[in-house]
Amino acid sequence: MASRVWETKEIRRKDISVGELYKLAHEKAKLRPVNGDVGFGRLINDKNIHRPGLALAGFVDLFTYNRVQIFGNTEVQFLSSLKEEDRHRAFQTILQFEIPCMVFTDRNEIEQELIDAASERGISVFSTTLETTRFVYILGEFLDEIFAPSTVVHGSLVDVYGIGLLFLGRSGIGKSEIALDLVERGHRLVADDAVQVDRQGEDILIGKSSKIAQHFMEVRGMGVIDVRSVFGIRAVRKRKRIEVVVELEEWDPNQDYTRTGLDHEYISILGAEVPLIKLPILPGKNITVIAEVIALNHLLRSYDYDAAEVFNKILMDAIKKKKKEGTIANRYFERDFE
């Protein structure tokens, strides 16, 4: 198994303001500001979320205060169990830190005293009707996307039979023409020329087009076309996971190209490895059909069927059977019944 790194310039967002978080995520996360726009200018620089149970109890040695602080049923009931003086002291314990914002989940009521104390410190307080687990999932997914490392790759990304094929290669080798041919055959264009790639999680790469060049394509000798207008809305999609990278290159008779497919190659983009297929270009070679077969073959592999391995097993079994049967002379005497 060979692997190489695709050299790209990684772009990583460093922070997001509380106000921007509210603007972008308040509908899906059902966020409601409790103390107006207080603290909307504060910055969140960590994609992780924290529940300050231990900090409320007084243990702040490992308190990750720079994260969004979630107050669920456990935290609220703990505060409710304290006397008024102790409750005020517990709350002040965490307010001494530069907290970005606090969110009270599951319709939990917030005492006005606590709201006033947070406002004095310039900290935003939100409430949500969502249960804690659901809210953490939604906000975590949002922050993962915001803080995901990203880069821009010169290529074309097409959804072929549900498989995201990213075509790479030198300028002018025919990436856009192959993508256009695939769209004409009923597949869906995601991005052409400049593909924005985001890494989500450890090994998932999501490709999409820029807002300006969305679904526009440059065809050399013809100019710019709008794929969505020409072929219809079914010919495009906004984003797609990159599952196979197809690298186009001119045919080199001195280079060894894989013929069996037993040795899988991978390419590393933003630290995530993706299957790589090097496809030599020759006059008369139908790259579009080959691209469709690449997608279908990848689908088969996702169902644990590898044609190269199956064929290799059949071949090895045939060789073993041939050796077991022995020579022609042995088979001749086996038929001598005297």
C-alpha atoms as a PDB file:
ATOM      1  CA  MET A   1       0.000   0.000   0.000  1.00  0.00           C
ATOM      2  CA  ALA A   2       1.657   3.226  -1.201  1.00  0.00           C
ATOM      3  CA  SER A   3       0.716   6.680   0.013  1.00  0.00           C
ATOM      4  CA  ARG A   4       1.839  10.195  -0.814  1.00  0.00           C
ATOM      5  CA  VAL A   5       0.988  13.656   0.438  1.00  0.00           C
ATOM      6  CA  TRP A   6      -0.732  16.222  -1.751  1.00  0.00           C
ATOM      7  CA  GLU A   7       1.016  19.507  -0.982  1.00  0.00           C
ATOM      8  CA  THR A   8      -1.638  22.112  -0.189  1.00  0.00           C
ATOM      9  CA  LYS A   9      -1.835  25.304   1.815  1.00  0.00           C
ATOM     10  CA  GLU A  10      -3.942  24.565   4.881  1.00  0.00           C
ATOM     11  CA  ILE A  11      -6.385  27.211   6.031  1.00  0.00           C
ATOM     12  CA  ARG A  12      -7.675  26.959   9.581  1.00  0.00           C
ATOM     13  CA  ARG A  13     -10.113  29.372  11.191  1.00  0.00           C
ATOM     14  CA  LYS A  14      -8.847  30.668  14.538  1.00  0.00           C
ATOM     15  CA  ASP A  15     -12.003  31.981  16.168  1.00  0.00           C
ATOM     16  CA  ILE A  16     -15.649  32.981  15.851  1.00  0.00           C
ATOM     17  CA  SER A  17     -17.476  35.685  17.786  1.00  0.00           C
ATOM     18  CA  VAL A  18     -20.419  34.878  20.040  1.00  0.00           C
ATOM     19  CA  GLY A  19     -22.583  37.181  17.926  1.00  0.00           C
ATOM     20  CA  GLU A  20     -21.629  35.339  14.758  1.00  0.00           C
ATOM     21  CA  LEU A  21     -22.316  32.006  16.444  1.00  0.00           C
ATOM     22  CA  TYR A  22     -25.805  33.206  17.386  1.00  0.00           C
ATOM     23  CA  LYS A  23     -26.472  34.573  13.886  1.00  0.00           C
ATOM     24  CA  LEU A  24     -25.447  31.375  12.110  1.00  0.00           C
ATOM     25  CA  ALA A  25     -26.710  28.716  14.529  1.00  0.00           C
ATOM     26  CA  HIS A  26     -29.651  30.166  16.479  1.00  0.00           C
ATOM     27  CA  GLU A  27     -32.376  28.672  14.260  1.00  0.00           C
ATOM     28  CA  LYS A  28     -31.092  25.102  14.219  1.00  0.00           C
ATOM     29  CA  ALA A  29     -29.933  25.170  17.858  1.00  0.00           C
ATOM     30  CA  LYS A  30     -33.040  27.102  18.981  1.00  0.00           C
ATOM     31  CA  LEU A  31     -30.918  29.647  20.836  1.00  0.00           C
ATOM     32  CA  ARG A  32     -32.543  32.594  22.613  1.00  0.00           C
ATOM     33  CA  PRO A  33     -30.424  35.411  24.114  1.00  0.00           C
ATOM     34  CA  VAL A  34     -31.390  35.952  27.759  1.00  0.00           C
ATOM     35  CA  ASN A  35     -29.411  39.156  28.386  1.00  0.00           C
ATOM     36  CA  GLY A  36     -29.650  40.769  24.947  1.00  0.00           C
ATOM     37  CA  ASP A  37     -26.476  41.231  22.928  1.00  0.00           C
ATOM     38  CA  VAL A  38     -24.204  41.399  25.969  1.00  0.00           C
ATOM     39  CA  GLY A  39     -20.863  39.712  25.187  1.00  0.00           C
ATOM     40  CA  PHE A  40     -21.567  39.272  21.463  1.00  0.00           C
ATOM     41  CA  GLY A  41     -18.073  40.564  20.726  1.00  0.00           C
ATOM     42  CA  ARG A  42     -16.348  37.833  22.735  1.00  0.00           C
ATOM     43  CA  LEU A  43     -14.419  35.228  20.764  1.00  0.00           C
ATOM     44  CA  ILE A  44     -14.702  31.435  20.785  1.00  0.00           C
ATOM     45  CA  ASN A  45     -11.371  29.839  19.819  1.00  0.00           C
ATOM     46  CA  ASP A  46     -12.054  26.202  20.718  1.00  0.00           C
ATOM     47  CA  LYS A  47     -14.432  23.927  18.826  1.00  0.00           C
ATOM     48  CA  ASN A  48     -15.030  21.725  21.876  1.00  0.00           C
ATOM     49  CA  ILE A  49     -17.870  22.219  24.351  1.00  0.00           C
ATOM     50  CA  HIS A  50     -17.619  22.109  28.146  1.00  0.00           C
ATOM     51  CA  ARG A  51     -19.982  21.373  31.033  1.00  0.00           C
ATOM     52  CA  PRO A  52     -18.726  23.217  34.161  1.00  0.00           C
ATOM     53  CA  GLY A  53     -19.970  20.796  36.829  1.00  0.00           C
ATOM     54  CA  LEU A  54     -16.643  20.424  38.651  1.00  0.00           C
ATOM     55  CA  ALA A  55     -15.873  24.139  38.320  1.00  0.00           C
ATOM     56  CA  LEU A  56     -19.179  25.002  40.040  1.00  0.00           C
ATOM     57  CA  ALA A  57     -18.148  22.651  42.846  1.00  0.00           C
ATOM     58  CA  GLY A  58     -14.920  24.614  43.273  1.00  0.00           C
ATOM     59  CA  PHE A  59     -12.376  22.524  41.304  1.00  0.00           C
ATOM     60  CA  VAL A  60     -11.010  24.844  38.611  1.00  0.00           C
ATOM     61  CA  ASP A  61      -7.504  23.439  38.096  1.00  0.00           C
ATOM     62  CA  LEU A  62      -8.550  21.831  34.786  1.00  0.00           C
ATOM     63  CA  PHE A  63     -11.385  24.223  33.915  1.00  0.00           C
ATOM     64  CA  THR A  64     -11.403  24.792  30.134  1.00  0.00           C
ATOM     65  CA  TYR A  65     -13.073  28.179  30.403  1.00  0.00           C
ATOM     66  CA  ASN A  66     -12.407  29.244  26.779  1.00  0.00           C
ATOM     67  CA  ARG A  67     -15.134  26.918  25.489  1.00  0.00           C
ATOM     68  CA  VAL A  68     -18.907  27.355  25.237  1.00  0.00           C
ATOM     69  CA  GLN A  69     -20.236  26.402  28.692  1.00  0.00           C
ATOM     70  CA  ILE A  70     -23.323  24.180  28.783  1.00  0.00           C
ATOM     71  CA  PHE A  71     -25.629  24.165  31.814  1.00  0.00           C
ATOM     72  CA  GLY A  72     -27.798  21.045  31.627  1.00  0.00           C
ATOM     73  CA  ASN A  73     -30.102  19.455  34.175  1.00  0.00           C
ATOM     74  CA  THR A  74     -27.158  18.288  36.314  1.00  0.00           C
ATOM     75  CA  GLU A  75     -25.607  21.749  36.641  1.00  0.00           C
ATOM     76  CA  VAL A  76     -28.938  23.507  37.217  1.00  0.00           C
ATOM     77  CA  GLN A  77     -30.083  21.018  39.864  1.00  0.00           C
ATOM     78  CA  PHE A  78     -26.715  21.290  41.603  1.00  0.00           C
ATOM     79  CA  LEU A  79     -27.079  25.068  41.791  1.00  0.00           C
ATOM     80  CA  SER A  80     -30.689  24.727  42.995  1.00  0.00           C
ATOM     81  CA  SER A  81     -29.567  22.422  45.817  1.00  0.00           C
ATOM     82  CA  LEU A  82     -27.266  25.112  47.244  1.00  0.00           C
ATOM     83  CA  LYS A  83     -28.187  27.852  49.634  1.00  0.00           C
ATOM     84  CA  GLU A  84     -28.506  31.291  48.096  1.00  0.00           C
ATOM     85  CA  GLU A  85     -25.104  32.450  49.374  1.00  0.00           C
ATOM     86  CA  ASP A  86     -23.345  29.261  48.244  1.00  0.00           C
ATOM     87  CA  ARG A  87     -25.098  29.397  44.874  1.00  0.00           C
ATOM     88  CA  HIS A  88     -23.878  32.934  44.317  1.00  0.00           C
ATOM     89  CA  ARG A  89     -20.331  31.934  45.325  1.00  0.00           C
ATOM     90  CA  ALA A  90     -20.353  28.881  42.988  1.00  0.00           C
ATOM     91  CA  PHE A  91     -21.478  31.019  40.081  1.00  0.00           C
ATOM     92  CA  GLN A  92     -18.894  33.696  40.805  1.00  0.00           C
ATOM     93  CA  THR A  93     -16.214  30.981  40.825  1.00  0.00           C
ATOM     94  CA  ILE A  94     -16.583  30.422  37.086  1.00  0.00           C
ATOM     95  CA  LEU A  95     -17.372  34.048  36.236  1.00  0.00           C
ATOM     96  CA  GLN A  96     -13.851  35.041  37.236  1.00  0.00           C
ATOM     97  CA  PHE A  97     -12.684  33.393  33.998  1.00  0.00           C
ATOM     98  CA  GLU A  98     -13.029  34.806  30.457  1.00  0.00           C
ATOM     99  CA  ILE A  99     -15.924  32.582  29.422  1.00  0.00           C
ATOM    100  CA  PRO A 100     -17.175  33.108  25.835  1.00  0.00           C
ATOM    101  CA  CYS A 101     -20.846  32.381  26.639  1.00  0.00           C
ATOM    102  CA  MET A 102     -23.191  30.151  28.642  1.00  0.00           C
ATOM    103  CA  VAL A 103     -26.133  28.098  27.382  1.00  0.00           C
ATOM    104  CA  PHE A 104     -28.919  26.735  29.609  1.00  0.00           C
ATOM    105  CA  THR A 105     -30.570  23.742  27.939  1.00  0.00           C
ATOM    106  CA  ASP A 106     -33.838  21.833  28.239  1.00  0.00           C
ATOM    107  CA  ARG A 107     -36.014  24.846  29.190  1.00  0.00           C
ATOM    108  CA  ASN A 108     -34.203  25.240  32.509  1.00  0.00           C
ATOM    109  CA  GLU A 109     -35.086  28.474  34.269  1.00  0.00           C
ATOM    110  CA  ILE A 110     -32.302  30.908  35.085  1.00  0.00           C
ATOM    111  CA  GLU A 111     -32.393  33.059  38.214  1.00  0.00           C
ATOM    112  CA  GLN A 112     -32.270  36.771  37.522  1.00  0.00           C
ATOM    113  CA  GLU A 113     -29.411  37.096  40.001  1.00  0.00           C
ATOM    114  CA  LEU A 114     -27.269  34.800  37.866  1.00  0.00           C
ATOM    115  CA  ILE A 115     -28.228  36.637  34.669  1.00  0.00           C
ATOM    116  CA  ASP A 116     -27.253  39.974  36.249  1.00  0.00           C
ATOM    117  CA  ALA A 117     -23.941  38.584  37.467  1.00  0.00           C
ATOM    118  CA  ALA A 118     -23.076  37.305  33.985  1.00  0.00           C
ATOM    119  CA  SER A 119     -24.114  40.617  32.401  1.00  0.00           C
ATOM    120  CA  GLU A 120     -21.824  42.523  34.777  1.00  0.00           C
ATOM    121  CA  ARG A 121     -18.942  40.386  33.557  1.00  0.00           C
ATOM    122  CA  GLY A 122     -19.943  40.933  29.896  1.00  0.00           C
ATOM    123  CA  ILE A 123     -20.826  37.265  29.305  1.00  0.00           C
ATOM    124  CA  SER A 124     -23.649  36.196  26.975  1.00  0.00           C
ATOM    125  CA  VAL A 125     -26.335  33.927  28.425  1.00  0.00           C
ATOM    126  CA  PHE A 126     -28.523  31.846  26.116  1.00  0.00           C
ATOM    127  CA  SER A 127     -31.344  29.383  26.655  1.00  0.00           C
ATOM    128  CA  THR A 128     -32.585  26.601  24.410  1.00  0.00           C
ATOM    129  CA  THR A 129     -35.568  24.288  24.445  1.00  0.00           C
ATOM    130  CA  LEU A 130     -33.441  21.391  23.190  1.00  0.00           C
ATOM    131  CA  GLU A 131     -32.294  18.600  25.485  1.00  0.00           C
ATOM    132  CA  THR A 132     -28.634  18.766  26.433  1.00  0.00           C
ATOM    133  CA  THR A 133     -27.543  15.766  24.367  1.00  0.00           C
ATOM    134  CA  ARG A 134     -29.334  17.025  21.258  1.00  0.00           C
ATOM    135  CA  PHE A 135     -28.026  20.570  21.681  1.00  0.00           C
ATOM    136  CA  VAL A 136     -24.427  19.410  22.219  1.00  0.00           C
ATOM    137  CA  TYR A 137     -24.643  17.322  19.032  1.00  0.00           C
ATOM    138  CA  ILE A 138     -25.988  20.212  16.920  1.00  0.00           C
ATOM    139  CA  LEU A 139     -23.605  22.847  18.277  1.00  0.00           C
ATOM    140  CA  GLY A 140     -20.650  20.445  18.162  1.00  0.00           C
ATOM    141  CA  GLU A 141     -21.345  19.662  14.501  1.00  0.00           C
ATOM    142  CA  PHE A 142     -21.585  23.374  13.729  1.00  0.00           C
ATOM    143  CA  LEU A 143     -18.311  24.243  15.492  1.00  0.00           C
ATOM    144  CA  ASP A 144     -16.567  21.255  13.872  1.00  0.00           C
ATOM    145  CA  GLU A 145     -17.404  22.686  10.465  1.00  0.00           C
ATOM    146  CA  ILE A 146     -16.417  26.230  11.458  1.00  0.00           C
ATOM    147  CA  PHE A 147     -13.010  25.193  12.819  1.00  0.00           C
ATOM    148  CA  ALA A 148     -12.339  22.435  10.265  1.00  0.00           C
ATOM    149  CA  PRO A 149      -9.003  22.723   8.432  1.00  0.00           C
ATOM    150  CA  SER A 150      -9.552  23.482   4.767  1.00  0.00           C
ATOM    151  CA  THR A 151      -7.715  24.099   1.535  1.00  0.00           C
ATOM    152  CA  VAL A 152      -8.407  24.854  -2.105  1.00  0.00           C
ATOM    153  CA  VAL A 153      -7.496  22.244  -4.725  1.00  0.00           C
ATOM    154  CA  HIS A 154      -7.254  22.848  -8.476  1.00  0.00           C
ATOM    155  CA  GLY A 155      -9.468  20.120  -9.912  1.00  0.00           C
ATOM    156  CA  SER A 156     -13.022  18.982 -10.630  1.00  0.00           C
ATOM    157  CA  LEU A 157     -15.346  17.176  -8.214  1.00  0.00           C
ATOM    158  CA  VAL A 158     -18.236  15.103  -9.578  1.00  0.00           C
ATOM    159  CA  ASP A 159     -20.775  12.850  -7.868  1.00  0.00           C
ATOM    160  CA  VAL A 160     -20.716   9.654  -9.934  1.00  0.00           C
ATOM    161  CA  TYR A 161     -23.226   7.011  -8.811  1.00  0.00           C
ATOM    162  CA  GLY A 162     -23.086   8.514  -5.315  1.00  0.00           C
ATOM    163  CA  ILE A 163     -19.271   8.392  -5.157  1.00  0.00           C
ATOM    164  CA  GLY A 164     -17.339  11.661  -4.999  1.00  0.00           C
ATOM    165  CA  LEU A 165     -14.592  11.572  -7.648  1.00  0.00           C
ATOM    166  CA  LEU A 166     -12.003  14.349  -7.441  1.00  0.00           C
ATOM    167  CA  PHE A 167     -10.130  14.760 -10.746  1.00  0.00           C
ATOM    168  CA  LEU A 168      -6.632  16.221 -10.448  1.00  0.00           C
ATOM    169  CA  GLY A 169      -3.958  16.911 -13.034  1.00  0.00           C
ATOM    170  CA  ARG A 170      -2.059  19.674 -14.753  1.00  0.00           C
ATOM    171  CA  SER A 171      -3.906  22.648 -16.213  1.00  0.00           C
ATOM    172  CA  GLY A 172      -5.405  21.874 -19.622  1.00  0.00           C
ATOM    173  CA  ILE A 173      -5.276  18.087 -19.356  1.00  0.00           C
ATOM    174  CA  GLY A 174      -9.078  17.820 -19.618  1.00  0.00           C
ATOM    175  CA  LYS A 175     -10.511  17.742 -16.082  1.00  0.00           C
ATOM    176  CA  SER A 176     -13.408  20.087 -16.895  1.00  0.00           C
ATOM    177  CA  GLU A 177     -14.219  18.277 -20.146  1.00  0.00           C
ATOM    178  CA  ILE A 178     -14.426  14.935 -18.338  1.00  0.00           C
ATOM    179  CA  ALA A 179     -16.635  16.500 -15.660  1.00  0.00           C
ATOM    180  CA  LEU A 180     -18.883  17.996 -18.355  1.00  0.00           C
ATOM    181  CA  ASP A 181     -19.146  14.643 -20.133  1.00  0.00           C
ATOM    182  CA  LEU A 182     -20.113  12.955 -16.844  1.00  0.00           C
ATOM    183  CA  VAL A 183     -22.804  15.599 -16.219  1.00  0.00           C
ATOM    184  CA  GLU A 184     -24.182  15.002 -19.732  1.00  0.00           C
ATOM    185  CA  ARG A 185     -24.443  11.287 -18.833  1.00  0.00           C
ATOM    186  CA  GLY A 186     -26.598  12.104 -15.797  1.00  0.00           C
ATOM    187  CA  HIS A 187     -24.056  12.587 -13.011  1.00  0.00           C
ATOM    188  CA  ARG A 188     -23.790  15.671 -10.787  1.00  0.00           C
ATOM    189  CA  LEU A 189     -21.197  18.439 -10.710  1.00  0.00           C
ATOM    190  CA  VAL A 190     -20.067  19.675  -7.298  1.00  0.00           C
ATOM    191  CA  ALA A 191     -17.228  22.039  -8.195  1.00  0.00           C
ATOM    192  CA  ASP A 192     -14.937  22.813 -11.097  1.00  0.00           C
ATOM    193  CA  ASP A 193     -11.507  24.447 -11.265  1.00  0.00           C
ATOM    194  CA  ALA A 194     -11.322  25.511  -7.583  1.00  0.00           C
ATOM    195  CA  VAL A 195     -12.571  22.889  -5.125  1.00  0.00           C
ATOM    196  CA  GLN A 196     -12.738  23.925  -1.476  1.00  0.00           C
ATOM    197  CA  VAL A 197     -11.885  20.903   0.684  1.00  0.00           C
ATOM    198  CA  ASP A 198     -12.782  20.730   4.391  1.00  0.00           C
ATOM    199  CA  ARG A 199     -11.616  17.965   6.696  1.00  0.00           C
ATOM    200  CA  GLN A 200     -14.334  16.899   9.098  1.00  0.00           C
ATOM    201  CA  GLY A 201     -13.436  14.457  11.835  1.00  0.00           C
ATOM    202  CA  GLU A 202     -10.271  12.449  11.364  1.00  0.00           C
ATOM    203  CA  ASP A 203     -10.595  11.127   7.824  1.00  0.00           C
ATOM    204  CA  ILE A 204     -13.607  12.712   6.084  1.00  0.00           C
ATOM    205  CA  LEU A 205     -12.995  15.220   3.300  1.00  0.00           C
ATOM    206  CA  ILE A 206     -15.925  17.329   2.098  1.00  0.00           C
ATOM    207  CA  GLY A 207     -15.614  19.169  -1.206  1.00  0.00           C
ATOM    208  CA  LYS A 208     -17.654  22.146  -2.353  1.00  0.00           C
ATOM    209  CA  SER A 209     -17.412  25.083  -4.716  1.00  0.00           C
ATOM    210  CA  SER A 210     -16.874  28.705  -3.780  1.00  0.00           C
ATOM    211  CA  LYS A 211     -19.902  30.982  -3.499  1.00  0.00           C
ATOM    212  CA  ILE A 212     -18.760  33.024  -6.488  1.00  0.00           C
ATOM    213  CA  ALA A 213     -17.901  30.214  -8.927  1.00  0.00           C
ATOM    214  CA  GLN A 214     -20.699  27.880  -7.850  1.00  0.00           C
ATOM    215  CA  HIS A 215     -21.527  25.443 -10.696  1.00  0.00           C
ATOM    216  CA  PHE A 216     -19.922  27.656 -13.338  1.00  0.00           C
ATOM    217  CA  MET A 217     -17.450  25.875 -15.614  1.00  0.00           C
ATOM    218  CA  GLU A 218     -14.823  27.079 -18.037  1.00  0.00           C
ATOM    219  CA  VAL A 219     -14.636  25.082 -21.272  1.00  0.00           C
ATOM    220  CA  ARG A 220     -11.527  25.959 -23.251  1.00  0.00           C
ATOM    221  CA  GLY A 221     -12.380  27.311 -26.689  1.00  0.00           C
ATOM    222  CA  MET A 222     -15.977  27.991 -25.650  1.00  0.00           C
ATOM    223  CA  GLY A 223     -15.894  30.028 -22.461  1.00  0.00           C
ATOM    224  CA  VAL A 224     -17.861  29.933 -19.204  1.00  0.00           C
ATOM    225  CA  ILE A 225     -21.125  27.998 -18.916  1.00  0.00           C
ATOM    226  CA  ASP A 226     -23.644  27.667 -16.080  1.00  0.00           C
ATOM    227  CA  VAL A 227     -24.078  23.907 -15.612  1.00  0.00           C
ATOM    228  CA  ARG A 228     -27.210  24.307 -13.487  1.00  0.00           C
ATOM    229  CA  SER A 229     -28.950  26.453 -16.127  1.00  0.00           C
ATOM    230  CA  VAL A 230     -27.903  24.270 -19.060  1.00  0.00           C
ATOM    231  CA  PHE A 231     -28.548  20.819 -17.574  1.00  0.00           C
ATOM    232  CA  GLY A 232     -31.033  21.585 -14.788  1.00  0.00           C
ATOM    233  CA  ILE A 233     -30.974  21.467 -11.004  1.00  0.00           C
ATOM    234  CA  ARG A 234     -30.508  17.670 -10.962  1.00  0.00           C
ATOM    235  CA  ALA A 235     -27.089  18.082 -12.607  1.00  0.00           C
ATOM    236  CA  VAL A 236     -25.508  19.828  -9.603  1.00  0.00           C
ATOM    237  CA  ARG A 237     -25.108  19.483  -5.857  1.00  0.00           C
ATOM    238  CA  LYS A 238     -23.628  21.820  -3.255  1.00  0.00           C
ATOM    239  CA  ARG A 239     -21.217  19.490  -1.470  1.00  0.00           C
ATOM    240  CA  LYS A 240     -19.978  15.906  -1.551  1.00  0.00           C
ATOM    241  CA  ARG A 241     -17.589  13.700   0.333  1.00  0.00           C
ATOM    242  CA  ILE A 242     -14.378  13.025  -1.606  1.00  0.00           C
ATOM    243  CA  GLU A 243     -14.043   9.242  -1.772  1.00  0.00           C
ATOM    244  CA  VAL A 244     -11.649   8.635  -4.681  1.00  0.00           C
ATOM    245  CA  VAL A 245      -8.971  10.869  -6.239  1.00  0.00           C
ATOM    246  CA  VAL A 246      -8.387  10.318  -9.963  1.00  0.00           C
ATOM    247  CA  GLU A 247      -5.085  11.822 -11.085  1.00  0.00           C
ATOM    248  CA  LEU A 248      -4.932  12.406 -14.845  1.00  0.00           C
ATOM    249  CA  GLU A 249      -1.541  12.339 -16.548  1.00  0.00           C
ATOM    250  CA  GLU A 250      -0.101  11.920 -20.040  1.00  0.00           C
ATOM    251  CA  TRP A 251       0.798   8.364 -21.025  1.00  0.00           C
ATOM    252  CA  ASP A 252       4.430   7.598 -20.238  1.00  0.00           C
ATOM    253  CA  PRO A 253       5.662   4.322 -21.810  1.00  0.00           C
ATOM    254  CA  ASN A 254       8.534   4.191 -19.313  1.00  0.00           C
ATOM    255  CA  GLN A 255       6.248   4.281 -16.270  1.00  0.00           C
ATOM    256  CA  ASP A 256       4.754   1.187 -14.658  1.00  0.00           C
ATOM    257  CA  TYR A 257       0.993   1.487 -14.302  1.00  0.00           C
ATOM    258  CA  THR A 258      -0.926  -0.936 -12.117  1.00  0.00           C
ATOM    259  CA  ARG A 259      -2.600  -3.710 -14.105  1.00  0.00           C
ATOM    260  CA  THR A 260      -4.069  -5.894 -11.379  1.00  0.00           C
ATOM    261  CA  GLY A 261      -5.190  -3.395  -8.751  1.00  0.00           C
ATOM    262  CA  LEU A 262      -3.781  -5.499  -5.915  1.00  0.00           C
ATOM    263  CA  ASP A 263      -1.503  -2.686  -4.732  1.00  0.00           C
ATOM    264  CA  HIS A 264      -3.740   0.130  -3.514  1.00  0.00           C
ATOM    265  CA  GLU A 265      -2.416   3.681  -3.604  1.00  0.00           C
ATOM    266  CA  TYR A 266      -3.552   6.502  -1.330  1.00  0.00           C
ATOM    267  CA  ILE A 267      -3.108  10.259  -1.282  1.00  0.00           C
ATOM    268  CA  SER A 268      -3.082  12.364   1.879  1.00  0.00           C
ATOM    269  CA  ILE A 269      -5.012  15.646   1.774  1.00  0.00           C
ATOM    270  CA  LEU A 270      -5.140  17.658   5.002  1.00  0.00           C
ATOM    271  CA  GLY A 271      -3.969  14.547   6.839  1.00  0.00           C
ATOM    272  CA  ALA A 272      -6.834  12.351   5.581  1.00  0.00           C
ATOM    273  CA  GLU A 273      -5.976   9.476   3.243  1.00  0.00           C
ATOM    274  CA  VAL A 274      -8.113   8.866   0.148  1.00  0.00           C
ATOM    275  CA  PRO A 275      -7.784   6.083  -2.478  1.00  0.00           C
ATOM    276  CA  LEU A 276      -5.763   7.297  -5.472  1.00  0.00           C
ATOM    277  CA  ILE A 277      -5.995   6.088  -9.058  1.00  0.00           C
ATOM    278  CA  LYS A 278      -3.476   7.311 -11.624  1.00  0.00           C
ATOM    279  CA  LEU A 279      -5.151   7.381 -15.011  1.00  0.00           C
ATOM    280  CA  PRO A 280      -2.941   7.771 -18.103  1.00  0.00           C
ATOM    281  CA  ILE A 281      -4.477   9.739 -20.972  1.00  0.00           C
ATOM    282  CA  LEU A 282      -4.260   8.259 -24.484  1.00  0.00           C
ATOM    283  CA  PRO A 283      -6.012   9.277 -27.747  1.00  0.00           C
ATOM    284  CA  GLY A 284      -9.233   7.310 -28.111  1.00  0.00           C
ATOM    285  CA  LYS A 285      -9.362   6.286 -24.474  1.00  0.00           C
ATOM    286  CA  ASN A 286     -12.879   6.752 -23.024  1.00  0.00           C
ATOM    287  CA  ILE A 287     -12.041   8.366 -19.688  1.00  0.00           C
ATOM    288  CA  THR A 288     -15.707   9.054 -18.893  1.00  0.00           C
ATOM    289  CA  VAL A 289     -16.688   5.383 -18.980  1.00  0.00           C
ATOM    290  CA  ILE A 290     -13.568   4.472 -17.007  1.00  0.00           C
ATOM    291  CA  ALA A 291     -14.549   7.098 -14.391  1.00  0.00           C
ATOM    292  CA  GLU A 292     -17.974   5.453 -14.065  1.00  0.00           C
ATOM    293  CA  VAL A 293     -16.327   2.056 -13.609  1.00  0.00           C
ATOM    294  CA  ILE A 294     -13.999   3.527 -10.957  1.00  0.00           C
ATOM    295  CA  ALA A 295     -17.048   4.720  -9.005  1.00  0.00           C
ATOM    296  CA  LEU A 296     -18.865   1.386  -9.354  1.00  0.00           C
ATOM    297  CA  ASN A 297     -15.739  -0.552  -8.382  1.00  0.00           C
ATOM    298  CA  HIS A 298     -15.382   1.607  -5.274  1.00  0.00           C
ATOM    299  CA  LEU A 299     -19.003   0.825  -4.406  1.00  0.00           C
ATOM    300  CA  LEU A 300     -18.234  -2.889  -4.685  1.00  0.00           C
ATOM    301  CA  ARG A 301     -15.245  -2.497  -2.379  1.00  0.00           C
ATOM    302  CA  SER A 302     -17.451  -0.782   0.192  1.00  0.00           C
ATOM    303  CA  TYR A 303     -19.429  -4.049   0.206  1.00  0.00           C
ATOM    304  CA  ASP A 304     -16.176  -5.990   0.807  1.00  0.00           C
ATOM    305  CA  TYR A 305     -15.876  -7.201  -2.782  1.00  0.00           C
ATOM    306  CA  ASP A 306     -12.489  -6.587  -4.397  1.00  0.00           C
ATOM    307  CA  ALA A 307     -12.364  -7.892  -7.979  1.00  0.00           C
ATOM    308  CA  ALA A 308      -8.547  -7.941  -8.027  1.00  0.00           C
ATOM    309  CA  GLU A 309      -8.377 -10.070  -4.886  1.00  0.00           C
ATOM    310  CA  VAL A 310     -11.129 -12.417  -6.126  1.00  0.00           C
ATOM    311  CA  PHE A 311      -9.360 -12.906  -9.466  1.00  0.00           C
ATOM    312  CA  ASN A 312      -6.038 -13.456  -7.701  1.00  0.00           C
ATOM    313  CA  LYS A 313      -7.622 -16.147  -5.505  1.00  0.00           C
ATOM    314  CA  ILE A 314      -9.120 -17.907  -8.566  1.00  0.00           C
ATOM    315  CA  LEU A 315      -5.714 -17.821 -10.249  1.00  0.00           C
ATOM    316  CA  MET A 316      -3.890 -19.179  -7.196  1.00  0.00           C
ATOM    317  CA  ASP A 317      -6.466 -21.954  -6.774  1.00  0.00           C
ATOM    318  CA  ALA A 318      -6.036 -22.927 -10.431  1.00  0.00           C
ATOM    319  CA  ILE A 319      -2.253 -23.129 -10.040  1.00  0.00           C
ATOM    320  CA  LYS A 320      -2.572 -25.268  -6.901  1.00  0.00           C
ATOM    321  CA  LYS A 321      -5.038 -27.560  -8.676  1.00  0.00           C
ATOM    322  CA  LYS A 322      -2.681 -27.915 -11.630  1.00  0.00           C
ATOM    323  CA  LYS A 323       0.191 -28.921  -9.350  1.00  0.00           C
ATOM    324  CA  LYS A 324      -1.998 -31.384  -7.463  1.00  0.00           C
ATOM    325  CA  GLU A 325      -3.123 -33.153 -10.644  1.00  0.00           C
ATOM    326  CA  GLY A 326       0.515 -33.913 -11.514  1.00  0.00           C
ATOM    327  CA  THR A 327       2.120 -34.581 -14.895  1.00  0.00           C
ATOM    328  CA  ILE A 328       0.487 -35.930 -18.057  1.00  0.00           C
ATOM    329  CA  ALA A 329       2.187 -39.307 -17.519  1.00  0.00           C
ATOM    330  CA  ASN A 330       0.688 -39.652 -14.069  1.00  0.00           C
ATOM    331  CA  ARG A 331      -2.797 -38.890 -15.417  1.00  0.00           C
ATOM    332  CA  TYR A 332      -2.250 -41.505 -18.206  1.00  0.00           C
ATOM    333  CA  PHE A 333      -1.374 -44.282 -15.783  1.00  0.00           C
ATOM    334  CA  GLU A 334      -4.315 -43.339 -13.555  1.00  0.00           C
ATOM    335  CA  ARG A 335      -6.526 -44.461 -16.451  1.00  0.00           C
ATOM    336  CA  ASP A 336      -4.717 -47.813 -16.837  1.00  0.00           C
ATOM    337  CA  PHE A 337      -7.077 -50.202 -15.090  1.00  0.00           C
ATOM    338  CA  GLU A 338      -5.057 -53.453 -15.725  1.00  0.00           C
END
